[in-house]
N, C-alpha and C. Protein backbone atom coordinates (compact mmCIF):
# COMPACT_ATOMS: atom_id res chain seq x y z
N MET A 1 0.85 -1.17 0.00
CA MET A 1 0.00 0.00 0.00
C MET A 1 0.89 1.24 0.00
N LYS A 2 0.53 2.19 -0.81
CA LYS A 2 1.27 3.45 -0.84
C LYS A 2 1.04 4.21 0.48
N LEU A 3 2.03 4.97 0.87
CA LEU A 3 1.91 5.79 2.09
C LEU A 3 0.74 6.76 1.97
N SER A 4 0.55 7.34 0.80
CA SER A 4 -0.54 8.31 0.62
C SER A 4 -1.90 7.66 0.80
N THR A 5 -2.04 6.43 0.34
CA THR A 5 -3.30 5.70 0.52
C THR A 5 -3.55 5.43 1.99
N TYR A 6 -2.50 5.00 2.67
CA TYR A 6 -2.60 4.74 4.12
C TYR A 6 -3.02 6.01 4.87
N LEU A 7 -2.35 7.12 4.61
CA LEU A 7 -2.67 8.37 5.31
C LEU A 7 -4.07 8.86 4.94
N ALA A 8 -4.41 8.80 3.67
CA ALA A 8 -5.75 9.24 3.24
C ALA A 8 -6.83 8.41 3.90
N ASN A 9 -6.62 7.11 4.00
CA ASN A 9 -7.60 6.25 4.65
C ASN A 9 -7.75 6.61 6.12
N ARG A 10 -6.65 6.87 6.80
CA ARG A 10 -6.72 7.26 8.21
C ARG A 10 -7.43 8.61 8.37
N LEU A 11 -7.12 9.56 7.50
CA LEU A 11 -7.78 10.86 7.55
C LEU A 11 -9.28 10.72 7.27
N ARG A 12 -9.61 9.94 6.27
CA ARG A 12 -11.02 9.71 5.93
C ARG A 12 -11.76 9.11 7.13
N GLU A 13 -11.10 8.17 7.79
CA GLU A 13 -11.71 7.50 8.93
C GLU A 13 -11.97 8.47 10.09
N ILE A 14 -11.02 9.30 10.41
CA ILE A 14 -11.17 10.19 11.56
C ILE A 14 -12.04 11.42 11.24
N LEU A 15 -12.01 11.85 9.99
CA LEU A 15 -12.73 13.08 9.63
C LEU A 15 -14.15 12.83 9.13
N LEU A 16 -14.34 11.86 8.26
CA LEU A 16 -15.61 11.79 7.53
C LEU A 16 -16.38 10.47 7.59
N GLU A 17 -15.70 9.35 7.65
CA GLU A 17 -16.42 8.10 7.41
C GLU A 17 -16.16 6.99 8.41
N GLY A 18 -15.19 7.11 9.23
CA GLY A 18 -14.74 5.98 10.01
C GLY A 18 -15.60 5.59 11.18
N LYS A 19 -15.43 4.37 11.58
CA LYS A 19 -16.09 3.83 12.78
C LYS A 19 -15.18 2.85 13.49
N TRP A 20 -14.15 2.36 12.80
CA TRP A 20 -13.39 1.22 13.29
C TRP A 20 -12.66 1.48 14.59
N VAL A 21 -11.73 2.38 14.66
CA VAL A 21 -10.91 2.57 15.85
C VAL A 21 -11.66 3.34 16.94
N LEU A 22 -12.24 4.45 16.58
CA LEU A 22 -12.88 5.30 17.58
C LEU A 22 -14.39 5.09 17.68
N GLY A 23 -14.94 4.37 16.74
CA GLY A 23 -16.38 4.14 16.75
C GLY A 23 -17.18 5.32 16.23
N THR A 24 -16.49 6.35 15.78
CA THR A 24 -17.16 7.53 15.26
C THR A 24 -16.17 8.32 14.43
N ASN A 25 -16.61 9.46 13.91
CA ASN A 25 -15.74 10.37 13.18
C ASN A 25 -16.23 11.79 13.43
N PHE A 26 -15.42 12.74 13.06
CA PHE A 26 -15.74 14.15 13.35
C PHE A 26 -17.06 14.57 12.71
N LYS A 27 -17.24 14.24 11.44
CA LYS A 27 -18.46 14.63 10.72
C LYS A 27 -19.71 14.12 11.44
N ASP A 28 -19.72 12.84 11.80
CA ASP A 28 -20.89 12.28 12.47
C ASP A 28 -21.18 12.97 13.79
N GLU A 29 -20.15 13.37 14.48
CA GLU A 29 -20.34 14.01 15.79
C GLU A 29 -20.86 15.44 15.69
N ILE A 30 -20.54 16.14 14.60
CA ILE A 30 -20.96 17.55 14.51
C ILE A 30 -22.22 17.77 13.68
N THR A 31 -22.55 16.85 12.79
CA THR A 31 -23.70 17.09 11.91
C THR A 31 -25.05 16.92 12.60
N ASP A 32 -25.09 16.23 13.72
CA ASP A 32 -26.38 16.03 14.39
C ASP A 32 -26.62 17.03 15.52
N LEU A 33 -25.79 18.05 15.61
CA LEU A 33 -25.94 19.05 16.67
C LEU A 33 -26.56 20.33 16.14
N ASP A 34 -27.38 20.97 16.96
CA ASP A 34 -27.84 22.30 16.58
C ASP A 34 -26.82 23.32 17.09
N TRP A 35 -26.96 24.53 16.61
CA TRP A 35 -25.96 25.56 16.89
C TRP A 35 -25.90 25.93 18.37
N LEU A 36 -27.01 25.83 19.07
CA LEU A 36 -27.00 26.19 20.50
C LEU A 36 -26.19 25.19 21.31
N LYS A 37 -26.39 23.90 21.04
CA LYS A 37 -25.60 22.89 21.75
C LYS A 37 -24.12 23.00 21.35
N ALA A 38 -23.87 23.16 20.06
CA ALA A 38 -22.49 23.24 19.58
C ALA A 38 -21.76 24.46 20.16
N SER A 39 -22.51 25.49 20.48
CA SER A 39 -21.92 26.73 21.01
C SER A 39 -21.86 26.77 22.54
N GLN A 40 -22.50 25.82 23.17
CA GLN A 40 -22.58 25.84 24.64
C GLN A 40 -21.23 25.53 25.27
N ARG A 41 -20.84 26.37 26.22
CA ARG A 41 -19.57 26.20 26.92
C ARG A 41 -19.83 25.53 28.26
N LEU A 42 -19.05 24.51 28.55
CA LEU A 42 -19.12 23.83 29.84
C LEU A 42 -17.89 24.24 30.64
N GLY A 43 -18.08 25.01 31.67
CA GLY A 43 -16.95 25.49 32.46
C GLY A 43 -16.04 26.34 31.59
N ASN A 44 -14.75 26.05 31.65
CA ASN A 44 -13.82 26.83 30.83
C ASN A 44 -13.30 26.02 29.64
N SER A 45 -14.03 24.95 29.27
CA SER A 45 -13.61 24.13 28.14
C SER A 45 -13.95 24.81 26.81
N ASN A 46 -13.36 24.34 25.75
CA ASN A 46 -13.72 24.80 24.42
C ASN A 46 -15.12 24.30 24.10
N THR A 47 -15.78 25.00 23.20
CA THR A 47 -17.06 24.53 22.70
C THR A 47 -16.82 23.61 21.50
N ILE A 48 -17.86 22.92 21.08
CA ILE A 48 -17.74 22.09 19.89
C ILE A 48 -17.51 22.96 18.67
N VAL A 49 -18.10 24.15 18.64
CA VAL A 49 -17.82 25.10 17.57
C VAL A 49 -16.33 25.44 17.56
N ASP A 50 -15.77 25.75 18.73
CA ASP A 50 -14.34 26.06 18.82
C ASP A 50 -13.49 24.95 18.22
N LEU A 51 -13.79 23.72 18.61
CA LEU A 51 -12.98 22.58 18.18
C LEU A 51 -13.15 22.29 16.69
N THR A 52 -14.36 22.48 16.19
CA THR A 52 -14.61 22.27 14.76
C THR A 52 -13.82 23.28 13.94
N PHE A 53 -13.89 24.54 14.34
CA PHE A 53 -13.12 25.57 13.62
C PHE A 53 -11.63 25.27 13.71
N HIS A 54 -11.17 24.95 14.90
CA HIS A 54 -9.75 24.71 15.17
C HIS A 54 -9.18 23.62 14.26
N ILE A 55 -9.86 22.49 14.16
CA ILE A 55 -9.38 21.41 13.31
C ILE A 55 -9.43 21.83 11.85
N ASN A 56 -10.51 22.48 11.44
CA ASN A 56 -10.62 22.90 10.05
C ASN A 56 -9.58 23.97 9.68
N TYR A 57 -9.19 24.78 10.64
CA TYR A 57 -8.16 25.79 10.41
C TYR A 57 -6.87 25.12 9.93
N TYR A 58 -6.49 24.04 10.58
CA TYR A 58 -5.28 23.32 10.19
C TYR A 58 -5.46 22.56 8.89
N ILE A 59 -6.63 21.96 8.70
CA ILE A 59 -6.90 21.26 7.44
C ILE A 59 -6.78 22.22 6.26
N SER A 60 -7.41 23.38 6.37
CA SER A 60 -7.37 24.37 5.30
C SER A 60 -5.96 24.90 5.07
N GLY A 61 -5.25 25.16 6.16
CA GLY A 61 -3.90 25.71 6.05
C GLY A 61 -2.92 24.75 5.42
N VAL A 62 -2.99 23.48 5.79
CA VAL A 62 -2.08 22.49 5.22
C VAL A 62 -2.51 22.17 3.78
N ALA A 63 -3.80 22.16 3.51
CA ALA A 63 -4.26 21.94 2.14
C ALA A 63 -3.71 23.02 1.21
N GLN A 64 -3.64 24.24 1.69
CA GLN A 64 -3.07 25.33 0.88
C GLN A 64 -1.63 25.00 0.49
N VAL A 65 -0.87 24.45 1.42
CA VAL A 65 0.51 24.05 1.14
C VAL A 65 0.53 22.90 0.13
N LEU A 66 -0.35 21.92 0.29
CA LEU A 66 -0.39 20.78 -0.62
C LEU A 66 -0.75 21.21 -2.04
N LYS A 67 -1.42 22.34 -2.18
CA LYS A 67 -1.77 22.87 -3.50
C LYS A 67 -0.67 23.78 -4.05
N GLY A 68 0.46 23.85 -3.33
CA GLY A 68 1.58 24.65 -3.81
C GLY A 68 1.68 26.04 -3.21
N GLY A 69 0.80 26.34 -2.27
CA GLY A 69 0.80 27.65 -1.65
C GLY A 69 1.73 27.74 -0.45
N THR A 70 1.60 28.83 0.27
CA THR A 70 2.45 29.08 1.43
C THR A 70 1.77 28.61 2.71
N LEU A 71 2.58 28.43 3.73
CA LEU A 71 2.07 28.06 5.05
C LEU A 71 1.77 29.35 5.81
N ASP A 72 0.51 29.72 5.86
CA ASP A 72 0.11 31.00 6.46
C ASP A 72 -0.54 30.85 7.82
N ILE A 73 -0.85 29.63 8.23
CA ILE A 73 -1.55 29.43 9.50
C ILE A 73 -0.59 29.61 10.67
N ARG A 74 -1.14 30.07 11.78
CA ARG A 74 -0.38 30.26 13.01
C ARG A 74 -1.24 29.77 14.17
N ASP A 75 -0.62 29.06 15.09
CA ASP A 75 -1.34 28.51 16.23
C ASP A 75 -2.18 29.56 16.95
N LYS A 76 -1.64 30.76 17.09
CA LYS A 76 -2.34 31.80 17.86
C LYS A 76 -3.67 32.22 17.22
N HIS A 77 -3.86 31.89 15.95
CA HIS A 77 -5.11 32.25 15.26
C HIS A 77 -6.07 31.07 15.10
N SER A 78 -5.72 29.92 15.65
CA SER A 78 -6.48 28.71 15.36
C SER A 78 -7.82 28.60 16.08
N PHE A 79 -8.15 29.60 16.89
CA PHE A 79 -9.48 29.64 17.52
C PHE A 79 -10.19 30.96 17.23
N GLU A 80 -9.70 31.70 16.25
CA GLU A 80 -10.28 33.01 15.91
C GLU A 80 -11.22 32.87 14.72
N TYR A 81 -12.49 33.03 14.98
CA TYR A 81 -13.49 32.91 13.93
C TYR A 81 -14.66 33.83 14.24
N PRO A 82 -15.42 34.19 13.20
CA PRO A 82 -16.61 35.03 13.44
C PRO A 82 -17.60 34.29 14.33
N PRO A 83 -18.28 34.99 15.20
CA PRO A 83 -19.23 34.33 16.10
C PRO A 83 -20.31 33.56 15.35
N ILE A 84 -20.69 32.44 15.92
CA ILE A 84 -21.80 31.65 15.39
C ILE A 84 -23.06 32.17 16.09
N LYS A 85 -23.94 32.79 15.31
CA LYS A 85 -25.12 33.44 15.88
C LYS A 85 -26.43 32.81 15.45
N SER A 86 -26.34 31.75 14.64
CA SER A 86 -27.57 31.14 14.13
C SER A 86 -27.28 29.72 13.67
N GLU A 87 -28.36 29.00 13.42
CA GLU A 87 -28.24 27.64 12.88
C GLU A 87 -27.56 27.68 11.51
N GLU A 88 -27.88 28.70 10.73
CA GLU A 88 -27.27 28.85 9.40
C GLU A 88 -25.75 29.03 9.50
N ASP A 89 -25.30 29.84 10.45
CA ASP A 89 -23.85 30.02 10.66
C ASP A 89 -23.19 28.68 10.98
N TRP A 90 -23.81 27.93 11.87
CA TRP A 90 -23.26 26.63 12.27
C TRP A 90 -23.23 25.66 11.09
N LYS A 91 -24.33 25.59 10.34
CA LYS A 91 -24.39 24.68 9.19
C LYS A 91 -23.32 25.05 8.15
N GLN A 92 -23.09 26.34 7.97
CA GLN A 92 -22.04 26.76 7.04
C GLN A 92 -20.67 26.28 7.52
N MET A 93 -20.43 26.37 8.83
CA MET A 93 -19.16 25.90 9.37
C MET A 93 -19.02 24.39 9.18
N VAL A 94 -20.08 23.65 9.47
CA VAL A 94 -20.05 22.20 9.31
C VAL A 94 -19.83 21.83 7.85
N ASN A 95 -20.54 22.49 6.95
CA ASN A 95 -20.40 22.20 5.52
C ASN A 95 -18.99 22.51 5.03
N LYS A 96 -18.42 23.61 5.51
CA LYS A 96 -17.04 23.96 5.15
C LYS A 96 -16.08 22.91 5.68
N PHE A 97 -16.28 22.48 6.92
CA PHE A 97 -15.44 21.44 7.50
C PHE A 97 -15.47 20.18 6.64
N CYS A 98 -16.66 19.75 6.25
CA CYS A 98 -16.80 18.52 5.47
C CYS A 98 -16.18 18.67 4.08
N ALA A 99 -16.44 19.79 3.42
CA ALA A 99 -15.89 20.01 2.08
C ALA A 99 -14.36 20.13 2.13
N ASP A 100 -13.85 20.88 3.10
CA ASP A 100 -12.41 21.04 3.22
C ASP A 100 -11.73 19.71 3.57
N SER A 101 -12.38 18.91 4.41
CA SER A 101 -11.83 17.60 4.76
C SER A 101 -11.74 16.70 3.54
N LYS A 102 -12.80 16.69 2.75
CA LYS A 102 -12.83 15.86 1.53
C LYS A 102 -11.72 16.28 0.58
N GLU A 103 -11.58 17.57 0.36
CA GLU A 103 -10.53 18.07 -0.54
C GLU A 103 -9.14 17.73 0.01
N PHE A 104 -8.95 17.90 1.29
CA PHE A 104 -7.68 17.61 1.94
C PHE A 104 -7.29 16.14 1.75
N ILE A 105 -8.23 15.25 1.99
CA ILE A 105 -7.98 13.82 1.83
C ILE A 105 -7.59 13.51 0.38
N GLU A 106 -8.29 14.11 -0.56
CA GLU A 106 -7.98 13.89 -1.98
C GLU A 106 -6.58 14.39 -2.32
N LEU A 107 -6.17 15.52 -1.76
CA LEU A 107 -4.82 16.03 -1.99
C LEU A 107 -3.77 15.09 -1.43
N VAL A 108 -4.01 14.58 -0.23
CA VAL A 108 -3.06 13.65 0.39
C VAL A 108 -2.97 12.38 -0.45
N GLU A 109 -4.10 11.90 -0.91
CA GLU A 109 -4.14 10.64 -1.67
C GLU A 109 -3.32 10.72 -2.96
N LYS A 110 -3.18 11.90 -3.51
CA LYS A 110 -2.45 12.09 -4.78
C LYS A 110 -0.94 12.23 -4.58
N MET A 111 -0.49 12.31 -3.34
CA MET A 111 0.94 12.52 -3.09
C MET A 111 1.73 11.23 -3.33
N SER A 112 2.95 11.42 -3.81
CA SER A 112 3.84 10.27 -3.99
C SER A 112 4.56 10.01 -2.66
N ASP A 113 5.11 8.81 -2.54
CA ASP A 113 5.90 8.49 -1.34
C ASP A 113 7.07 9.46 -1.21
N GLN A 114 7.66 9.82 -2.32
CA GLN A 114 8.79 10.76 -2.32
C GLN A 114 8.36 12.11 -1.76
N GLU A 115 7.20 12.59 -2.17
CA GLU A 115 6.70 13.86 -1.63
C GLU A 115 6.42 13.75 -0.14
N LEU A 116 5.84 12.65 0.29
CA LEU A 116 5.52 12.47 1.70
C LEU A 116 6.76 12.43 2.59
N LEU A 117 7.86 11.96 2.03
CA LEU A 117 9.10 11.86 2.80
C LEU A 117 9.97 13.11 2.69
N ALA A 118 9.53 14.08 1.90
CA ALA A 118 10.26 15.34 1.75
C ALA A 118 9.95 16.27 2.93
N ASP A 119 10.81 17.26 3.12
CA ASP A 119 10.60 18.24 4.18
C ASP A 119 9.32 19.04 3.94
N PHE A 120 8.58 19.24 4.99
CA PHE A 120 7.37 20.07 4.95
C PHE A 120 7.82 21.52 5.11
N ILE A 121 7.82 22.28 4.07
CA ILE A 121 8.22 23.68 4.00
C ILE A 121 9.72 23.84 4.32
N GLU A 122 10.09 23.55 5.54
CA GLU A 122 11.49 23.65 5.98
C GLU A 122 11.84 22.41 6.78
N GLU A 123 13.11 22.09 6.83
CA GLU A 123 13.57 20.90 7.53
C GLU A 123 13.12 20.89 8.99
N LYS A 124 13.06 22.06 9.62
CA LYS A 124 12.70 22.12 11.05
C LYS A 124 11.28 21.62 11.32
N TYR A 125 10.42 21.59 10.30
CA TYR A 125 9.05 21.11 10.47
C TYR A 125 8.91 19.60 10.27
N GLY A 126 9.98 18.94 9.88
CA GLY A 126 9.89 17.51 9.61
C GLY A 126 9.32 17.25 8.23
N THR A 127 8.93 16.01 7.99
CA THR A 127 8.43 15.62 6.67
C THR A 127 6.92 15.86 6.56
N TYR A 128 6.44 15.79 5.34
CA TYR A 128 4.99 15.84 5.12
C TYR A 128 4.32 14.70 5.88
N MET A 129 4.92 13.52 5.80
CA MET A 129 4.37 12.33 6.48
C MET A 129 4.21 12.60 7.97
N ARG A 130 5.24 13.12 8.59
CA ARG A 130 5.19 13.40 10.03
C ARG A 130 4.10 14.41 10.37
N ASN A 131 3.98 15.44 9.56
CA ASN A 131 2.98 16.47 9.80
C ASN A 131 1.56 15.93 9.60
N LEU A 132 1.37 15.11 8.60
CA LEU A 132 0.05 14.53 8.37
C LEU A 132 -0.31 13.55 9.48
N ASP A 133 0.66 12.78 9.92
CA ASP A 133 0.43 11.87 11.03
C ASP A 133 0.07 12.65 12.30
N ALA A 134 0.76 13.77 12.52
CA ALA A 134 0.46 14.61 13.68
C ALA A 134 -0.95 15.20 13.57
N MET A 135 -1.38 15.52 12.37
CA MET A 135 -2.75 16.03 12.19
C MET A 135 -3.78 14.97 12.55
N ILE A 136 -3.50 13.73 12.22
CA ILE A 136 -4.40 12.64 12.58
C ILE A 136 -4.50 12.52 14.10
N GLU A 137 -3.36 12.55 14.77
CA GLU A 137 -3.35 12.47 16.23
C GLU A 137 -4.05 13.67 16.86
N HIS A 138 -3.80 14.85 16.34
CA HIS A 138 -4.42 16.08 16.84
C HIS A 138 -5.94 16.02 16.68
N THR A 139 -6.38 15.55 15.54
CA THR A 139 -7.82 15.43 15.29
C THR A 139 -8.44 14.39 16.21
N SER A 140 -7.76 13.27 16.42
CA SER A 140 -8.26 12.24 17.32
C SER A 140 -8.44 12.79 18.73
N TYR A 141 -7.47 13.53 19.19
CA TYR A 141 -7.53 14.15 20.52
C TYR A 141 -8.76 15.04 20.65
N HIS A 142 -8.95 15.92 19.68
CA HIS A 142 -10.08 16.84 19.75
C HIS A 142 -11.41 16.15 19.49
N LEU A 143 -11.42 15.10 18.68
CA LEU A 143 -12.64 14.32 18.49
C LEU A 143 -13.07 13.72 19.83
N GLY A 144 -12.13 13.23 20.60
CA GLY A 144 -12.44 12.71 21.93
C GLY A 144 -13.08 13.77 22.81
N GLN A 145 -12.58 15.00 22.71
CA GLN A 145 -13.18 16.10 23.47
C GLN A 145 -14.61 16.36 23.02
N VAL A 146 -14.83 16.35 21.71
CA VAL A 146 -16.18 16.58 21.18
C VAL A 146 -17.14 15.52 21.71
N VAL A 147 -16.72 14.27 21.68
CA VAL A 147 -17.57 13.17 22.16
C VAL A 147 -17.92 13.38 23.64
N LEU A 148 -16.94 13.73 24.45
CA LEU A 148 -17.19 13.97 25.88
C LEU A 148 -18.11 15.18 26.09
N LEU A 149 -17.87 16.25 25.35
CA LEU A 149 -18.73 17.43 25.47
C LEU A 149 -20.18 17.09 25.13
N LYS A 150 -20.38 16.33 24.05
CA LYS A 150 -21.73 15.93 23.66
C LYS A 150 -22.42 15.14 24.77
N LYS A 151 -21.68 14.23 25.39
CA LYS A 151 -22.28 13.43 26.47
C LYS A 151 -22.72 14.33 27.63
N HIS A 152 -21.94 15.31 27.95
CA HIS A 152 -22.30 16.23 29.04
C HIS A 152 -23.45 17.15 28.65
N LEU A 153 -23.54 17.49 27.37
CA LEU A 153 -24.62 18.39 26.92
C LEU A 153 -25.96 17.68 26.84
N ARG A 154 -25.94 16.36 26.76
CA ARG A 154 -27.20 15.62 26.66
C ARG A 154 -27.65 15.31 28.03
């Protein structure tokens, strides 16, 4: 199996379609929520809206690089988004998350093993493979938070 196929399958599983390892995926967890629940803050934790934007921020930013663009994302901006004030705002965010995830997976799937083993922007960032693997782990971590938040909100 090509490395790109392996990574794309893992991304597809965690973002859009999977059930095997975690029993769920990000899309399934966010599409059945209304905007009020998704926006509800429990204590000082992030909201589901926060986490959805946060993961999509990195997906969009890395996808830009995979399309030949520059790396413009910065951690300090990964929770900065316009307020969600309606169901329509939330649905737009969810739809963007799903569309961006699908495009991102397709971009990863087209990469060669040589590209995956090359430096991501600069040597200090490691390889594309390492960064994509870290994105899978990062998404898994936040998906776990979303699942726990949903349980507390119900």
